[in-house]
């Protein structure tokens, strides 16, 4: 993370990463059969997405606090 990166930039970057993971997860979930590797990838993607969602919530809260100031 760059030091010059604003809170809004961080939020947008994380949101983009979350959307990318979501697209990959949706592709996997459309398959009628998942290999063991794909099943593991689904688990990892879900955990990463959750982490990014939590990050977006925290950063979004910072943005909302900044708007109130």
N, C-alpha and C. Protein backbone atom coordinates (compact mmCIF):
# COMPACT_ATOMS: atom_id res chain seq x y z
N UNK A 1 0.85 -1.17 0.00
CA UNK A 1 0.00 0.00 0.00
C UNK A 1 0.89 1.23 0.00
N UNK A 2 0.64 2.13 -0.96
CA UNK A 2 1.42 3.35 -1.04
C UNK A 2 0.99 4.31 0.06
N UNK A 3 1.95 5.12 0.48
CA UNK A 3 1.64 6.07 1.52
C UNK A 3 0.72 7.18 1.01
N UNK A 4 0.82 7.51 -0.27
CA UNK A 4 0.01 8.58 -0.84
C UNK A 4 -1.40 8.13 -1.21
N UNK A 5 -1.69 6.85 -1.01
CA UNK A 5 -3.00 6.30 -1.35
C UNK A 5 -4.04 6.82 -0.36
N UNK A 6 -5.10 7.43 -0.90
CA UNK A 6 -6.15 7.96 -0.03
C UNK A 6 -7.06 6.83 0.46
N UNK A 7 -7.85 7.14 1.45
CA UNK A 7 -8.80 6.16 1.98
C UNK A 7 -9.77 5.73 0.88
N UNK A 8 -10.18 6.67 0.06
CA UNK A 8 -11.10 6.33 -1.03
C UNK A 8 -10.41 5.43 -2.06
N UNK A 9 -9.14 5.69 -2.33
CA UNK A 9 -8.37 4.84 -3.26
C UNK A 9 -8.28 3.41 -2.72
N UNK A 10 -8.02 3.30 -1.43
CA UNK A 10 -7.93 1.98 -0.79
C UNK A 10 -9.26 1.25 -0.93
N UNK A 11 -10.35 1.97 -0.63
CA UNK A 11 -11.68 1.36 -0.73
C UNK A 11 -11.93 0.86 -2.15
N UNK A 12 -11.64 1.69 -3.13
CA UNK A 12 -11.88 1.30 -4.53
C UNK A 12 -11.01 0.13 -4.96
N UNK A 13 -9.77 0.10 -4.52
CA UNK A 13 -8.87 -1.01 -4.86
C UNK A 13 -9.39 -2.32 -4.27
N UNK A 14 -9.77 -2.28 -3.00
CA UNK A 14 -10.28 -3.47 -2.32
C UNK A 14 -11.60 -3.92 -2.96
N UNK A 15 -12.44 -2.97 -3.32
CA UNK A 15 -13.72 -3.30 -3.95
C UNK A 15 -13.48 -4.00 -5.30
N UNK A 16 -12.50 -3.53 -6.05
CA UNK A 16 -12.16 -4.15 -7.33
C UNK A 16 -11.64 -5.57 -7.13
N UNK A 17 -10.78 -5.74 -6.13
CA UNK A 17 -10.26 -7.08 -5.83
C UNK A 17 -11.40 -8.02 -5.44
N UNK A 18 -12.33 -7.53 -4.62
CA UNK A 18 -13.47 -8.33 -4.18
C UNK A 18 -14.31 -8.76 -5.39
N UNK A 19 -14.55 -7.83 -6.30
CA UNK A 19 -15.35 -8.14 -7.49
C UNK A 19 -14.65 -9.17 -8.37
N UNK A 20 -13.33 -9.07 -8.49
CA UNK A 20 -12.57 -10.03 -9.28
C UNK A 20 -12.68 -11.43 -8.69
N UNK A 21 -12.53 -11.53 -7.38
CA UNK A 21 -12.67 -12.83 -6.72
C UNK A 21 -14.09 -13.37 -6.88
N UNK A 22 -15.07 -12.48 -6.80
CA UNK A 22 -16.46 -12.90 -6.93
C UNK A 22 -16.72 -13.46 -8.32
N UNK A 23 -16.17 -12.82 -9.35
CA UNK A 23 -16.36 -13.35 -10.71
C UNK A 23 -15.76 -14.74 -10.85
N UNK A 24 -14.56 -14.95 -10.30
CA UNK A 24 -13.93 -16.26 -10.38
C UNK A 24 -14.77 -17.29 -9.62
N UNK A 25 -15.24 -16.92 -8.45
CA UNK A 25 -16.06 -17.82 -7.65
C UNK A 25 -17.34 -18.20 -8.39
N UNK A 26 -17.97 -17.22 -9.02
CA UNK A 26 -19.20 -17.49 -9.78
C UNK A 26 -18.92 -18.45 -10.94
N UNK A 27 -17.78 -18.28 -11.60
CA UNK A 27 -17.41 -19.20 -12.68
C UNK A 27 -17.29 -20.63 -12.16
N UNK A 28 -16.64 -20.79 -11.03
CA UNK A 28 -16.47 -22.12 -10.46
C UNK A 28 -17.80 -22.72 -10.03
N UNK A 29 -18.66 -21.89 -9.46
CA UNK A 29 -19.92 -22.40 -8.93
C UNK A 29 -20.89 -22.82 -10.04
N UNK A 30 -20.67 -22.34 -11.26
CA UNK A 30 -21.51 -22.75 -12.39
C UNK A 30 -21.18 -24.15 -12.89
N UNK A 31 -20.01 -24.64 -12.52
CA UNK A 31 -19.60 -25.96 -12.99
C UNK A 31 -20.41 -27.04 -12.27
N UNK A 32 -20.72 -28.10 -13.01
CA UNK A 32 -21.50 -29.19 -12.41
C UNK A 32 -20.62 -30.08 -11.53
N UNK A 33 -19.30 -30.04 -11.78
CA UNK A 33 -18.38 -30.86 -10.99
C UNK A 33 -17.11 -30.06 -10.74
N UNK A 34 -16.64 -30.10 -9.49
CA UNK A 34 -15.39 -29.43 -9.15
C UNK A 34 -14.33 -30.46 -8.79
N UNK A 35 -13.14 -30.24 -9.29
CA UNK A 35 -12.02 -31.09 -8.88
C UNK A 35 -11.66 -30.74 -7.44
N UNK A 36 -10.81 -31.54 -6.85
CA UNK A 36 -10.37 -31.27 -5.47
C UNK A 36 -9.66 -29.91 -5.40
N UNK A 37 -8.86 -29.61 -6.40
CA UNK A 37 -8.17 -28.31 -6.43
C UNK A 37 -9.16 -27.16 -6.54
N UNK A 38 -10.19 -27.35 -7.36
CA UNK A 38 -11.21 -26.31 -7.50
C UNK A 38 -12.01 -26.13 -6.22
N UNK A 39 -12.31 -27.22 -5.54
CA UNK A 39 -13.01 -27.12 -4.26
C UNK A 39 -12.17 -26.34 -3.25
N UNK A 40 -10.86 -26.59 -3.25
CA UNK A 40 -9.97 -25.85 -2.36
C UNK A 40 -9.94 -24.38 -2.77
N UNK A 41 -9.91 -24.12 -4.06
CA UNK A 41 -9.91 -22.74 -4.54
C UNK A 41 -11.18 -22.01 -4.10
N UNK A 42 -12.32 -22.68 -4.16
CA UNK A 42 -13.59 -22.08 -3.71
C UNK A 42 -13.48 -21.67 -2.25
N UNK A 43 -12.96 -22.55 -1.42
CA UNK A 43 -12.82 -22.24 0.01
C UNK A 43 -11.91 -21.03 0.22
N UNK A 44 -10.79 -21.01 -0.50
CA UNK A 44 -9.83 -19.90 -0.36
C UNK A 44 -10.47 -18.60 -0.86
N UNK A 45 -11.15 -18.66 -1.99
CA UNK A 45 -11.79 -17.47 -2.54
C UNK A 45 -12.83 -16.91 -1.58
N UNK A 46 -13.62 -17.78 -0.96
CA UNK A 46 -14.64 -17.32 -0.02
C UNK A 46 -14.00 -16.62 1.18
N UNK A 47 -12.91 -17.18 1.68
CA UNK A 47 -12.22 -16.56 2.82
C UNK A 47 -11.62 -15.21 2.43
N UNK A 48 -11.01 -15.16 1.25
CA UNK A 48 -10.42 -13.89 0.79
C UNK A 48 -11.50 -12.84 0.57
N UNK A 49 -12.63 -13.26 -0.02
CA UNK A 49 -13.72 -12.33 -0.23
C UNK A 49 -14.24 -11.78 1.09
N UNK A 50 -14.37 -12.63 2.08
CA UNK A 50 -14.84 -12.19 3.39
C UNK A 50 -13.87 -11.19 4.00
N UNK A 51 -12.58 -11.49 3.89
CA UNK A 51 -11.56 -10.57 4.41
C UNK A 51 -11.67 -9.21 3.71
N UNK A 52 -11.82 -9.23 2.39
CA UNK A 52 -11.92 -7.98 1.64
C UNK A 52 -13.20 -7.23 1.98
N UNK A 53 -14.29 -7.97 2.19
CA UNK A 53 -15.54 -7.32 2.58
C UNK A 53 -15.39 -6.64 3.94
N UNK A 54 -14.74 -7.32 4.88
CA UNK A 54 -14.49 -6.72 6.19
C UNK A 54 -13.63 -5.46 6.04
N UNK A 55 -12.64 -5.53 5.18
CA UNK A 55 -11.77 -4.38 4.94
C UNK A 55 -12.58 -3.23 4.35
N UNK A 56 -13.45 -3.53 3.40
CA UNK A 56 -14.29 -2.48 2.81
C UNK A 56 -15.18 -1.84 3.87
N UNK A 57 -15.70 -2.65 4.78
CA UNK A 57 -16.55 -2.12 5.85
C UNK A 57 -15.76 -1.15 6.74
N UNK A 58 -14.54 -1.56 7.11
CA UNK A 58 -13.71 -0.70 7.97
C UNK A 58 -13.33 0.60 7.26
N UNK A 59 -12.91 0.48 6.02
CA UNK A 59 -12.51 1.67 5.26
C UNK A 59 -13.72 2.55 4.98
N UNK A 60 -14.84 1.92 4.67
CA UNK A 60 -16.07 2.67 4.44
C UNK A 60 -16.49 3.45 5.68
N UNK A 61 -16.30 2.85 6.83
CA UNK A 61 -16.60 3.54 8.09
C UNK A 61 -15.70 4.76 8.26
N UNK A 62 -14.42 4.62 7.91
CA UNK A 62 -13.50 5.76 7.97
C UNK A 62 -13.95 6.86 7.02
N UNK A 63 -14.41 6.49 5.84
CA UNK A 63 -14.88 7.48 4.88
C UNK A 63 -16.11 8.20 5.41
N UNK A 64 -17.03 7.46 6.03
CA UNK A 64 -18.23 8.08 6.59
C UNK A 64 -17.88 9.02 7.73
N UNK A 65 -16.92 8.64 8.55
CA UNK A 65 -16.49 9.51 9.65
C UNK A 65 -15.87 10.79 9.09
N UNK A 66 -15.12 10.65 8.01
CA UNK A 66 -14.49 11.81 7.38
C UNK A 66 -15.51 12.77 6.80
N UNK A 67 -16.63 12.23 6.30
CA UNK A 67 -17.68 13.09 5.73
C UNK A 67 -18.37 13.89 6.82
N UNK A 68 -18.43 13.36 8.02
CA UNK A 68 -19.12 14.04 9.12
C UNK A 68 -18.29 15.18 9.70
N UNK A 69 -16.98 15.13 9.48
CA UNK A 69 -16.10 16.16 10.05
C UNK A 69 -16.24 17.48 9.34
